[in-house]
Amino acid sequence: MTTRIIHFTVNGRLERAEFGADCSAADVKDLFRAAAEAGPHHILKLYDPSGRVLNICPQLEANSEDSYYRLEVVASDFQIKLLGVFGLPTGVLMPAELDDMEYRLHHLESKVIEDVGKTPDIICELKSQVESFRRKLESVEHLSWMGLFKDDGDQQVSPKPRTPQLSVQEERQQVRRKFLNMSSLQVTEEVREHLKSPIFDNWQWEEAEMLVLLQVMYTDLDFLTAFHIELEVLQNFLFEVYCHYNSIPFHNFQHCFCVTQMMYGLIWLTDLRSKLGRIDLLIMLTSALCHDLDHPGYNNVYQINAQTDLALRYNDISPLENHHCAVAFGILSKPECNILKNLTSEQYKHIRGGMIKCILATDMARHNEILNKFKVLQPVFNFTNKDHKEVLMKIMVKVSDISNEARPMAVAEPWLDCLLQEFFNQSDTEKLKGLPVTPFMDRDKVSKPSSQTNFIRFVLLPLFTELTKLFPCLEQHILEPVQRALEYYSDMERARKEEEEEEGTNKP
């Protein structure tokens, strides 16, 4: 198997890292983390000989001992995730860690002064933010928005990792408290702009923070004003949606957030606000949000073969997608969660019909049917034609649903690992129950690269290519990244085959 050898210095010593082409981004980062003797919450920076920051990932260029890289532990993350995003650090930050942060800033400031002779403005700003936060920590009695509670006994509680004492319900209520407290903070313009981009990294955010960002999406698209949605009702709705996603490897709340964020980004990138009515934008964004509600982690083929309650209830016709729709409108039936309650009956009927069509369109069994219809319409597409718009809305939700490979590899590859875990769980269960084993989920037959090369080649590229024909601006944002992903996994697959052939040759 082809391997990369990376030479680098850390803590004054020369080290060497070696990893294969099929190594994940997380594994590569763990290699460097171990070499630096860093903990899981430390931030690492890798520099090339010219001082340029490099991305620590499987695509790192191999080098020699004479052109070694430089690895530094520059800060401890403490789950801060983008200091200053909400005007304050947003992780679990204890007073001792504040002291440590101040020490690190002081150390960094000393090093910079040695090099340039003065303290940069950015360090002054960081010092000011840390000091401001310390004052808030000392004066605010209730800080549940960051997982820290200050009572008469100064007891501090961290939400992660999950403790055995917390039930699922208690953990959800903790997320709700954090969400509601954080929702009053101002999200910076920088984050608002980043939220509109396909390169957005979902792994940097906690559940409560993602709920705040979903609120931002509904607010910045002016849905609250246009549809008379009360902020409290929107917050109740978002929280109930969060509660109805299960803790499974892939089809979970983070996936829901990613799909909704991609839809939000596509709306801005394609300027759909000037091409479709706001009610259609609401349909697409809310469909993305609700498209996998209460997903059990086993697909439609399993539901039908196992004759589950869902398959029986929906007569084997898109059991999961029908269930997702039903759960969505079950949430909306609660007055305190009904973001549609101030609409006319006609508007409600339009939104309900549109959401059902969009969510049912995510059934991959209907993929070719919907794509072929869009191919026919695309050359003569008319944004004023109701049927044309309906197909486009389905396509937009479908693209958003399977868009992980349009993201940077460091964001996309962990999602593939999660998906394969869910697939393998299903195939293992199928074997145990004597059911037909879904071929592309069988851990004995599927490899990581082969699963993606076929999916990208035969599903993603045809779909993304057609959408790019209608919106050429999307070529650089979603089509080119998917093409690069195909090259990445094709290289990985070739390396795997070469390794297998080499092992076969060496066998006695």
Protein backbone atom coordinates (compact mmCIF):
# COMPACT_ATOMS: atom_id res chain seq x y z
CA MET A 1 0.00 0.00 0.00
CA THR A 2 1.24 3.51 -0.83
CA THR A 3 2.25 5.42 2.26
CA ARG A 4 3.17 9.03 2.94
CA ILE A 5 6.13 9.85 5.15
CA ILE A 6 6.02 13.23 6.85
CA HIS A 7 9.03 14.66 8.68
CA PHE A 8 8.41 17.38 11.25
CA THR A 9 9.78 18.90 14.42
CA VAL A 10 7.86 19.18 17.66
CA ASN A 11 9.16 20.37 21.03
CA GLY A 12 12.65 20.67 19.53
CA ARG A 13 12.93 17.08 18.25
CA LEU A 14 12.66 15.67 14.75
CA GLU A 15 9.80 13.21 14.31
CA ARG A 16 8.38 11.17 11.47
CA ALA A 17 4.78 10.17 10.73
CA GLU A 18 3.78 7.47 8.29
CA PHE A 19 0.25 6.73 7.12
CA GLY A 20 -1.51 5.03 4.26
CA ALA A 21 -3.75 6.43 1.56
CA ASP A 22 -6.81 4.95 3.27
CA CYS A 23 -6.05 6.64 6.57
CA SER A 24 -8.84 8.95 7.77
CA ALA A 25 -8.36 12.62 8.61
CA ALA A 26 -9.04 11.85 12.28
CA ASP A 27 -6.36 9.15 12.30
CA VAL A 28 -3.78 11.50 10.80
CA LYS A 29 -4.56 14.17 13.38
CA ASP A 30 -4.24 11.57 16.13
CA LEU A 31 -0.75 10.69 14.88
CA PHE A 32 0.39 14.30 15.19
CA ARG A 33 -1.46 14.72 18.48
CA ALA A 34 0.41 11.75 19.93
CA ALA A 35 3.75 13.07 18.69
CA ALA A 36 3.06 16.43 20.37
CA GLU A 37 1.86 14.67 23.55
CA ALA A 38 -1.28 16.79 23.23
CA GLY A 39 -4.70 16.10 24.67
CA PRO A 40 -7.93 15.72 22.67
CA HIS A 41 -8.89 19.39 23.18
CA HIS A 42 -5.57 20.94 22.15
CA ILE A 43 -5.26 22.85 18.89
CA LEU A 44 -2.35 21.84 16.65
CA LYS A 45 -0.75 23.95 13.95
CA LEU A 46 1.56 22.55 11.26
CA TYR A 47 3.83 24.90 9.31
CA ASP A 48 5.89 24.33 6.18
CA PRO A 49 9.49 25.62 5.96
CA SER A 50 8.25 29.01 4.72
CA GLY A 51 5.93 29.42 7.74
CA ARG A 52 2.70 28.71 5.84
CA VAL A 53 0.02 26.88 7.85
CA LEU A 54 -0.78 23.41 6.48
CA ASN A 55 -3.96 21.40 6.84
CA ILE A 56 -3.31 18.25 8.90
CA CYS A 57 -5.02 15.67 6.71
CA PRO A 58 -4.30 12.56 4.58
CA GLN A 59 -3.43 14.81 1.61
CA LEU A 60 -0.33 16.27 3.31
CA GLU A 61 2.59 16.33 0.90
CA ALA A 62 5.42 13.96 1.82
CA ASN A 63 8.73 15.67 2.56
CA SER A 64 12.32 14.89 3.52
CA GLU A 65 14.26 15.43 6.72
CA ASP A 66 15.89 18.46 5.09
CA SER A 67 12.50 20.10 4.38
CA TYR A 68 10.76 19.19 7.62
CA TYR A 69 7.53 20.77 8.81
CA ARG A 70 7.09 22.37 12.23
CA LEU A 71 4.31 21.21 14.59
CA GLU A 72 3.15 23.39 17.46
CA VAL A 73 0.52 23.12 20.18
CA VAL A 74 -0.75 26.68 20.04
CA ALA A 75 -3.77 26.57 22.36
CA SER A 76 -6.10 24.39 24.35
CA ASP A 77 -9.52 24.29 22.74
CA PHE A 78 -11.69 23.70 25.86
CA GLN A 79 -14.50 23.20 23.35
CA ILE A 80 -14.37 26.99 22.76
CA LYS A 81 -15.00 26.70 19.04
CA LEU A 82 -14.26 30.01 17.44
CA LEU A 83 -13.58 32.43 20.25
CA GLY A 84 -15.85 35.41 19.99
CA VAL A 85 -18.40 33.87 17.61
CA PHE A 86 -21.27 34.80 19.89
CA GLY A 87 -19.41 37.73 21.42
CA LEU A 88 -18.10 35.35 24.13
CA PRO A 89 -16.35 31.98 24.22
CA THR A 90 -18.98 29.28 23.80
CA GLY A 91 -17.61 26.10 25.32
CA VAL A 92 -17.26 24.67 28.77
CA LEU A 93 -14.80 27.15 30.25
CA MET A 94 -13.78 26.92 33.86
CA PRO A 95 -11.90 29.55 35.88
CA ALA A 96 -8.73 27.43 35.90
CA GLU A 97 -8.89 27.23 32.12
CA LEU A 98 -9.26 30.99 31.94
CA ASP A 99 -6.02 31.25 33.89
CA ASP A 100 -4.40 28.84 31.47
CA MET A 101 -5.69 30.82 28.49
CA GLU A 102 -4.33 34.06 29.92
CA TYR A 103 -0.98 32.36 30.48
CA ARG A 104 -0.90 31.11 26.89
CA LEU A 105 -1.83 34.53 25.55
CA HIS A 106 0.93 36.09 27.64
CA HIS A 107 3.40 33.49 26.33
CA LEU A 108 2.26 34.08 22.74
CA GLU A 109 2.48 37.83 23.21
CA SER A 110 6.08 37.53 24.48
CA LYS A 111 7.09 35.45 21.45
CA VAL A 112 5.47 37.90 19.03
CA ILE A 113 7.12 40.89 20.72
CA GLU A 114 10.48 39.17 20.32
CA ASP A 115 9.82 38.78 16.58
CA VAL A 116 8.12 42.05 15.64
CA GLY A 117 8.73 44.34 18.61
CA LYS A 118 5.09 45.07 19.49
CA THR A 119 1.81 43.45 20.53
CA PRO A 120 -0.55 42.91 17.56
CA ASP A 121 -4.07 44.25 17.81
CA ILE A 122 -5.56 40.74 17.59
CA ILE A 123 -3.77 39.66 20.80
CA CYS A 124 -4.93 42.82 22.57
CA GLU A 125 -8.48 42.01 21.46
CA LEU A 126 -8.23 38.41 22.69
CA LYS A 127 -6.87 39.54 26.06
CA SER A 128 -9.73 42.00 26.34
CA GLN A 129 -12.31 39.30 25.52
CA VAL A 130 -10.84 36.89 28.09
CA GLU A 131 -10.86 39.59 30.76
CA SER A 132 -14.41 40.59 29.83
CA PHE A 133 -15.51 36.99 30.07
CA ARG A 134 -13.85 36.60 33.48
CA ARG A 135 -15.85 39.59 34.74
CA LYS A 136 -19.08 38.06 33.41
CA LEU A 137 -18.20 34.73 34.99
CA GLU A 138 -17.75 36.41 38.35
CA SER A 139 -20.95 38.42 38.15
CA VAL A 140 -23.52 36.29 36.30
CA GLU A 141 -25.43 33.83 38.47
CA HIS A 142 -26.76 31.55 35.78
CA LEU A 143 -24.63 30.55 32.78
CA SER A 144 -26.45 27.51 31.48
CA TRP A 145 -25.88 28.60 27.88
CA MET A 146 -22.31 27.35 28.12
CA GLY A 147 -22.89 24.38 30.36
CA LEU A 148 -21.75 26.16 33.52
CA PHE A 149 -24.04 26.70 36.48
CA LYS A 150 -23.13 29.04 39.31
CA ASP A 151 -25.20 28.66 42.45
CA ASP A 152 -24.64 29.30 46.12
CA GLY A 153 -22.12 26.47 46.26
CA ASP A 154 -20.36 27.56 43.07
CA GLN A 155 -21.06 24.14 41.63
CA GLN A 156 -19.97 23.72 38.01
CA VAL A 157 -21.54 21.22 35.67
CA SER A 158 -20.19 20.30 32.24
CA PRO A 159 -22.57 18.82 29.67
CA LYS A 160 -19.94 16.66 27.98
CA PRO A 161 -19.04 13.93 28.22
CA ARG A 162 -22.46 12.50 29.07
CA THR A 163 -22.60 11.38 32.65
CA PRO A 164 -24.55 8.29 33.76
CA GLN A 165 -26.59 10.46 36.13
CA LEU A 166 -28.17 12.40 33.25
CA SER A 167 -31.16 10.81 31.54
CA VAL A 168 -31.84 11.55 27.88
CA GLN A 169 -34.62 13.89 28.94
CA GLU A 170 -32.34 15.75 31.37
CA GLU A 171 -29.66 16.09 28.74
CA ARG A 172 -32.16 17.47 26.24
CA GLN A 173 -33.40 20.02 28.77
CA GLN A 174 -29.81 21.05 29.36
CA VAL A 175 -29.44 21.64 25.61
CA ARG A 176 -32.69 23.62 25.65
CA ARG A 177 -31.47 25.88 28.46
CA LYS A 178 -28.19 26.52 26.68
CA PHE A 179 -30.00 27.19 23.40
CA LEU A 180 -32.43 29.70 24.89
CA ASN A 181 -29.70 31.55 26.79
CA MET A 182 -27.38 31.62 23.78
CA SER A 183 -30.15 32.71 21.40
CA SER A 184 -30.11 36.22 22.84
CA LEU A 185 -26.43 36.66 21.96
CA GLN A 186 -25.42 38.34 18.72
CA VAL A 187 -23.96 36.02 16.07
CA THR A 188 -21.17 37.82 14.24
CA GLU A 189 -21.44 38.83 10.60
CA GLU A 190 -18.44 36.61 9.84
CA VAL A 191 -20.26 33.51 11.07
CA ARG A 192 -23.47 34.53 9.28
CA GLU A 193 -21.53 34.69 6.01
CA HIS A 194 -19.73 31.42 6.70
CA LEU A 195 -23.10 29.79 7.35
CA LYS A 196 -24.00 30.48 3.71
CA SER A 197 -21.04 28.47 2.41
CA PRO A 198 -20.73 24.75 1.55
CA ILE A 199 -17.36 24.68 3.34
CA PHE A 200 -19.07 25.18 6.72
CA ASP A 201 -17.67 22.72 9.28
CA ASN A 202 -20.45 21.15 11.35
CA TRP A 203 -17.95 19.34 13.61
CA GLN A 204 -17.03 22.64 15.27
CA TRP A 205 -20.44 23.16 16.88
CA GLU A 206 -22.39 21.76 19.80
CA GLU A 207 -26.09 20.90 19.61
CA ALA A 208 -27.26 24.08 21.35
CA GLU A 209 -25.08 26.18 19.06
CA MET A 210 -26.52 24.45 15.99
CA LEU A 211 -30.01 25.30 17.22
CA VAL A 212 -28.96 28.96 17.46
CA LEU A 213 -27.60 28.81 13.90
CA LEU A 214 -30.84 27.27 12.64
CA GLN A 215 -32.67 30.17 14.28
CA VAL A 216 -30.34 32.53 12.41
CA MET A 217 -31.28 30.87 9.11
CA TYR A 218 -35.00 31.42 9.67
CA THR A 219 -34.37 34.98 10.85
CA ASP A 220 -32.00 36.05 8.07
CA LEU A 221 -34.35 34.73 5.37
CA ASP A 222 -36.98 36.99 6.96
CA PHE A 223 -39.39 34.11 7.62
CA LEU A 224 -40.42 35.43 11.03
CA THR A 225 -41.70 38.70 9.60
CA ALA A 226 -43.15 37.28 6.39
CA PHE A 227 -45.12 34.49 8.07
CA HIS A 228 -45.77 36.13 11.46
CA ILE A 229 -43.74 33.51 13.32
CA GLU A 230 -43.21 34.28 16.98
CA LEU A 231 -39.60 33.79 18.09
CA GLU A 232 -40.61 31.63 21.06
CA VAL A 233 -42.68 29.38 18.81
CA LEU A 234 -39.76 29.01 16.39
CA GLN A 235 -37.48 28.08 19.28
CA ASN A 236 -39.98 25.51 20.55
CA PHE A 237 -40.28 24.06 17.04
CA LEU A 238 -36.50 23.81 16.54
CA PHE A 239 -36.04 22.17 19.93
CA GLU A 240 -38.79 19.61 19.25
CA VAL A 241 -37.16 18.79 15.91
CA TYR A 242 -33.87 18.27 17.75
CA CYS A 243 -35.59 15.95 20.25
CA HIS A 244 -37.06 13.82 17.46
CA TYR A 245 -33.72 12.91 15.92
CA ASN A 246 -32.23 9.72 17.34
CA SER A 247 -28.70 9.08 18.62
CA ILE A 248 -27.58 6.90 15.73
CA PRO A 249 -24.32 7.07 13.77
CA PHE A 250 -25.46 9.00 10.67
CA HIS A 251 -29.12 10.00 10.42
CA ASN A 252 -28.98 12.15 13.53
CA PHE A 253 -29.47 15.81 14.43
CA GLN A 254 -26.03 16.77 13.12
CA HIS A 255 -26.97 15.32 9.74
CA CYS A 256 -30.23 17.27 9.88
CA PHE A 257 -28.24 20.43 10.57
CA CYS A 258 -25.80 19.76 7.71
CA VAL A 259 -28.60 19.21 5.19
CA THR A 260 -30.42 22.35 6.34
CA GLN A 261 -27.21 24.39 6.28
CA MET A 262 -26.45 23.21 2.73
CA MET A 263 -29.97 24.12 1.64
CA TYR A 264 -29.53 27.53 3.26
CA GLY A 265 -26.22 27.99 1.45
CA LEU A 266 -27.69 26.98 -1.91
CA ILE A 267 -30.54 29.46 -1.48
CA TRP A 268 -28.01 32.28 -1.12
CA LEU A 269 -25.49 31.04 -3.69
CA THR A 270 -28.12 30.68 -6.43
CA ASP A 271 -29.99 33.84 -5.40
CA LEU A 272 -33.22 31.84 -5.16
CA ARG A 273 -34.72 34.67 -3.10
CA SER A 274 -35.18 36.57 -6.36
CA LYS A 275 -36.42 33.55 -8.32
CA LEU A 276 -38.86 31.80 -5.97
CA GLY A 277 -41.46 33.05 -3.53
CA ARG A 278 -40.53 33.19 0.14
CA ILE A 279 -43.13 30.53 0.88
CA ASP A 280 -41.27 28.07 -1.38
CA LEU A 281 -38.00 28.89 0.38
CA LEU A 282 -39.71 28.13 3.70
CA ILE A 283 -40.90 24.80 2.29
CA MET A 284 -37.39 23.80 1.18
CA LEU A 285 -35.59 24.86 4.36
CA THR A 286 -38.17 23.24 6.66
CA SER A 287 -38.22 20.09 4.53
CA ALA A 288 -34.44 19.84 4.87
CA LEU A 289 -34.79 20.31 8.63
CA CYS A 290 -37.45 17.61 8.99
CA HIS A 291 -36.43 15.20 6.23
CA ASP A 292 -35.10 12.41 8.52
CA LEU A 293 -37.11 12.89 11.72
CA ASP A 294 -37.11 9.81 13.98
CA HIS A 295 -34.92 7.83 11.55
CA PRO A 296 -34.30 4.42 13.18
CA GLY A 297 -30.96 3.77 11.44
CA TYR A 298 -32.35 1.01 9.16
CA ASN A 299 -33.39 1.88 5.60
CA ASN A 300 -36.57 1.19 3.65
CA VAL A 301 -35.33 -2.14 2.28
CA TYR A 302 -34.88 -3.38 5.84
CA GLN A 303 -38.27 -2.01 6.91
CA ILE A 304 -40.00 -3.88 4.09
CA ASN A 305 -38.05 -7.14 4.43
CA ALA A 306 -38.49 -7.17 8.21
CA GLN A 307 -42.18 -6.24 7.87
CA THR A 308 -41.83 -3.55 10.50
CA ASP A 309 -44.70 -1.44 11.81
CA LEU A 310 -43.64 1.39 9.50
CA ALA A 311 -43.68 -0.84 6.42
CA LEU A 312 -47.10 -2.17 7.37
CA ARG A 313 -48.46 1.29 8.15
CA TYR A 314 -47.37 2.75 4.81
CA ASN A 315 -47.91 -0.35 2.64
CA ASP A 316 -44.19 -0.64 1.76
CA ILE A 317 -44.36 2.75 -0.01
CA SER A 318 -41.43 4.94 1.19
CA PRO A 319 -42.07 3.91 4.82
CA LEU A 320 -39.34 6.08 6.32
CA GLU A 321 -40.05 9.21 4.30
CA ASN A 322 -43.76 8.98 5.05
CA HIS A 323 -42.88 8.59 8.72
CA HIS A 324 -40.57 11.62 8.66
CA CYS A 325 -43.43 13.70 7.21
CA ALA A 326 -45.89 12.43 9.78
CA VAL A 327 -43.54 13.24 12.67
CA ALA A 328 -42.92 16.73 11.26
CA PHE A 329 -46.60 17.58 11.12
CA GLY A 330 -47.12 15.96 14.50
CA ILE A 331 -44.68 18.53 15.91
CA LEU A 332 -46.43 21.32 14.01
CA SER A 333 -49.78 20.19 15.44
CA LYS A 334 -48.66 21.37 18.88
CA PRO A 335 -49.78 25.01 19.27
CA GLU A 336 -46.55 26.01 21.07
CA CYS A 337 -44.48 24.63 18.14
CA ASN A 338 -46.68 25.57 15.20
CA ILE A 339 -44.66 28.06 13.14
CA LEU A 340 -47.47 27.95 10.55
CA LYS A 341 -50.32 28.89 12.88
CA ASN A 342 -50.67 32.48 11.62
CA LEU A 343 -50.94 31.53 7.94
CA THR A 344 -54.10 31.32 5.87
CA SER A 345 -55.58 27.90 5.19
CA GLU A 346 -54.40 28.17 1.57
CA GLN A 347 -50.84 28.99 2.63
CA TYR A 348 -50.83 26.09 5.08
CA LYS A 349 -52.16 23.72 2.43
CA HIS A 350 -49.45 24.87 0.01
CA ILE A 351 -46.66 24.41 2.57
CA ARG A 352 -47.91 21.02 3.75
CA GLY A 353 -48.22 19.74 0.18
CA GLY A 354 -44.79 21.09 -0.74
CA MET A 355 -43.07 19.60 2.31
CA ILE A 356 -44.61 16.18 1.73
CA LYS A 357 -43.40 16.19 -1.89
CA CYS A 358 -39.90 17.37 -0.98
CA ILE A 359 -39.39 14.89 1.88
CA LEU A 360 -40.79 11.95 -0.11
CA ALA A 361 -38.35 12.91 -2.88
CA THR A 362 -35.43 11.97 -0.59
CA ASP A 363 -36.29 8.27 -1.00
CA MET A 364 -33.36 7.11 -3.14
CA ALA A 365 -35.65 4.56 -4.81
CA ARG A 366 -37.14 7.56 -6.65
CA HIS A 367 -33.78 9.11 -7.53
CA ASN A 368 -33.68 8.31 -11.26
CA GLU A 369 -37.35 9.19 -11.75
CA ILE A 370 -36.89 12.68 -10.29
CA LEU A 371 -33.48 13.31 -11.92
CA ASN A 372 -34.73 12.28 -15.37
CA LYS A 373 -37.72 14.61 -15.04
CA PHE A 374 -35.37 17.47 -14.14
CA LYS A 375 -33.11 16.65 -17.09
CA VAL A 376 -36.04 17.06 -19.47
CA LEU A 377 -37.10 20.37 -17.92
CA GLN A 378 -33.65 21.87 -17.38
CA PRO A 379 -33.03 23.20 -20.94
CA VAL A 380 -36.40 25.00 -20.97
CA PHE A 381 -36.68 25.69 -17.25
CA ASN A 382 -39.12 28.43 -16.32
CA PHE A 383 -39.19 29.79 -12.75
CA THR A 384 -42.79 30.94 -13.23
CA ASN A 385 -43.99 27.44 -14.14
CA LYS A 386 -45.47 25.65 -11.12
CA ASP A 387 -44.48 22.15 -12.27
CA HIS A 388 -40.93 23.27 -13.05
CA LYS A 389 -40.56 24.87 -9.62
CA GLU A 390 -41.88 21.75 -7.91
CA VAL A 391 -39.24 19.55 -9.54
CA LEU A 392 -36.49 22.07 -8.74
CA MET A 393 -37.50 22.15 -5.07
CA LYS A 394 -37.28 18.35 -4.92
CA ILE A 395 -33.87 18.44 -6.58
CA MET A 396 -32.59 21.09 -4.16
CA VAL A 397 -33.63 19.02 -1.14
CA LYS A 398 -32.10 15.89 -2.69
CA VAL A 399 -28.82 17.65 -3.41
CA SER A 400 -28.69 19.02 0.12
CA ASP A 401 -29.43 15.57 1.58
CA ILE A 402 -26.46 13.87 -0.13
CA SER A 403 -24.07 16.81 -0.27
CA ASN A 404 -21.38 15.74 2.19
CA GLU A 405 -18.81 15.11 -0.53
CA ALA A 406 -19.20 18.73 -1.66
CA ARG A 407 -17.63 19.76 1.63
CA PRO A 408 -13.90 19.84 2.46
CA MET A 409 -12.46 16.35 2.90
CA ALA A 410 -11.72 16.95 6.59
CA VAL A 411 -15.47 17.56 7.08
CA ALA A 412 -16.80 14.98 4.61
CA GLU A 413 -14.70 11.91 5.44
CA PRO A 414 -15.84 11.56 9.07
CA TRP A 415 -19.41 11.53 7.75
CA LEU A 416 -18.56 8.59 5.50
CA ASP A 417 -17.21 6.72 8.52
CA CYS A 418 -20.51 7.40 10.33
CA LEU A 419 -22.55 6.24 7.34
CA LEU A 420 -20.60 3.01 6.96
CA GLN A 421 -21.05 2.33 10.67
CA GLU A 422 -24.82 2.64 10.26
CA PHE A 423 -24.75 0.50 7.10
CA PHE A 424 -22.74 -2.23 8.79
CA ASN A 425 -25.08 -2.18 11.78
CA GLN A 426 -27.96 -2.88 9.41
CA SER A 427 -26.24 -5.67 7.49
CA ASP A 428 -25.17 -7.32 10.76
CA THR A 429 -28.80 -7.24 11.94
CA GLU A 430 -29.99 -8.61 8.59
CA LYS A 431 -27.60 -11.55 8.93
CA LEU A 432 -28.71 -12.23 12.49
CA LYS A 433 -32.39 -12.22 11.53
CA GLY A 434 -31.92 -14.24 8.34
CA LEU A 435 -33.08 -11.36 6.13
CA PRO A 436 -31.65 -10.57 2.67
CA VAL A 437 -28.39 -8.69 3.22
CA THR A 438 -28.26 -5.28 1.50
CA PRO A 439 -25.15 -5.64 -0.75
CA PHE A 440 -23.71 -2.12 -0.37
CA MET A 441 -23.98 -2.40 3.42
CA ASP A 442 -22.21 -5.73 3.89
CA ARG A 443 -18.99 -5.17 5.84
CA ASP A 444 -17.58 -8.35 4.29
CA LYS A 445 -17.97 -7.03 0.75
CA VAL A 446 -17.78 -3.24 0.93
CA SER A 447 -14.66 -1.12 1.32
CA LYS A 448 -14.63 2.54 2.19
CA PRO A 449 -13.29 3.76 -1.18
CA SER A 450 -15.42 1.42 -3.32
CA SER A 451 -18.59 2.55 -1.56
CA GLN A 452 -17.88 6.17 -2.46
CA THR A 453 -16.47 5.87 -5.99
CA ASN A 454 -19.64 4.18 -7.22
CA PHE A 455 -21.93 6.52 -5.30
CA ILE A 456 -20.12 9.64 -6.55
CA ARG A 457 -19.83 8.41 -10.13
CA PHE A 458 -23.39 7.18 -10.60
CA VAL A 459 -25.45 9.28 -8.17
CA LEU A 460 -23.74 12.50 -7.12
CA LEU A 461 -22.06 13.65 -10.33
CA PRO A 462 -25.11 13.19 -12.62
CA LEU A 463 -27.33 15.01 -10.08
CA PHE A 464 -24.88 17.83 -9.34
CA THR A 465 -24.03 18.26 -13.03
CA GLU A 466 -27.66 18.84 -13.96
CA LEU A 467 -28.18 21.39 -11.20
CA THR A 468 -24.99 23.19 -12.21
CA LYS A 469 -26.32 23.53 -15.76
CA LEU A 470 -29.20 25.58 -14.33
CA PHE A 471 -26.95 27.42 -11.86
CA PRO A 472 -23.42 27.66 -13.34
CA CYS A 473 -22.27 29.49 -10.20
CA LEU A 474 -22.47 26.18 -8.32
CA GLU A 475 -19.71 24.55 -10.36
CA GLN A 476 -16.92 25.73 -8.07
CA HIS A 477 -18.98 25.29 -4.90
CA ILE A 478 -20.36 21.75 -5.25
CA LEU A 479 -19.42 20.12 -8.57
CA GLU A 480 -15.64 20.58 -8.49
CA PRO A 481 -15.32 19.42 -4.84
CA VAL A 482 -17.28 16.26 -5.69
CA GLN A 483 -14.99 15.62 -8.67
CA ARG A 484 -11.97 15.97 -6.35
CA ALA A 485 -13.60 13.57 -3.89
CA LEU A 486 -13.96 11.02 -6.69
CA GLU A 487 -10.23 11.33 -7.46
CA TYR A 488 -9.40 10.97 -3.75
CA TYR A 489 -11.40 7.77 -3.27
CA SER A 490 -10.31 6.39 -6.65
CA ASP A 491 -6.67 6.79 -5.58
CA MET A 492 -7.51 5.12 -2.27
CA GLU A 493 -9.22 2.23 -4.05
CA ARG A 494 -6.26 1.73 -6.41
CA ALA A 495 -3.88 1.67 -3.44
CA ARG A 496 -6.05 -0.92 -1.72
CA LYS A 497 -6.14 -3.15 -4.81
CA GLU A 498 -2.38 -2.86 -5.26
CA GLU A 499 -1.90 -3.88 -1.65
CA GLU A 500 -4.20 -6.91 -2.09
CA GLU A 501 -2.37 -7.94 -5.26
CA GLU A 502 0.97 -7.56 -3.50
CA GLU A 503 -0.25 -9.68 -0.58
CA GLY A 504 -1.52 -12.33 -3.04
CA THR A 505 1.84 -12.44 -4.82
CA ASN A 506 3.74 -12.85 -1.56
CA LYS A 507 1.61 -15.75 -0.34
CA PRO A 508 3.46 -19.10 -0.48
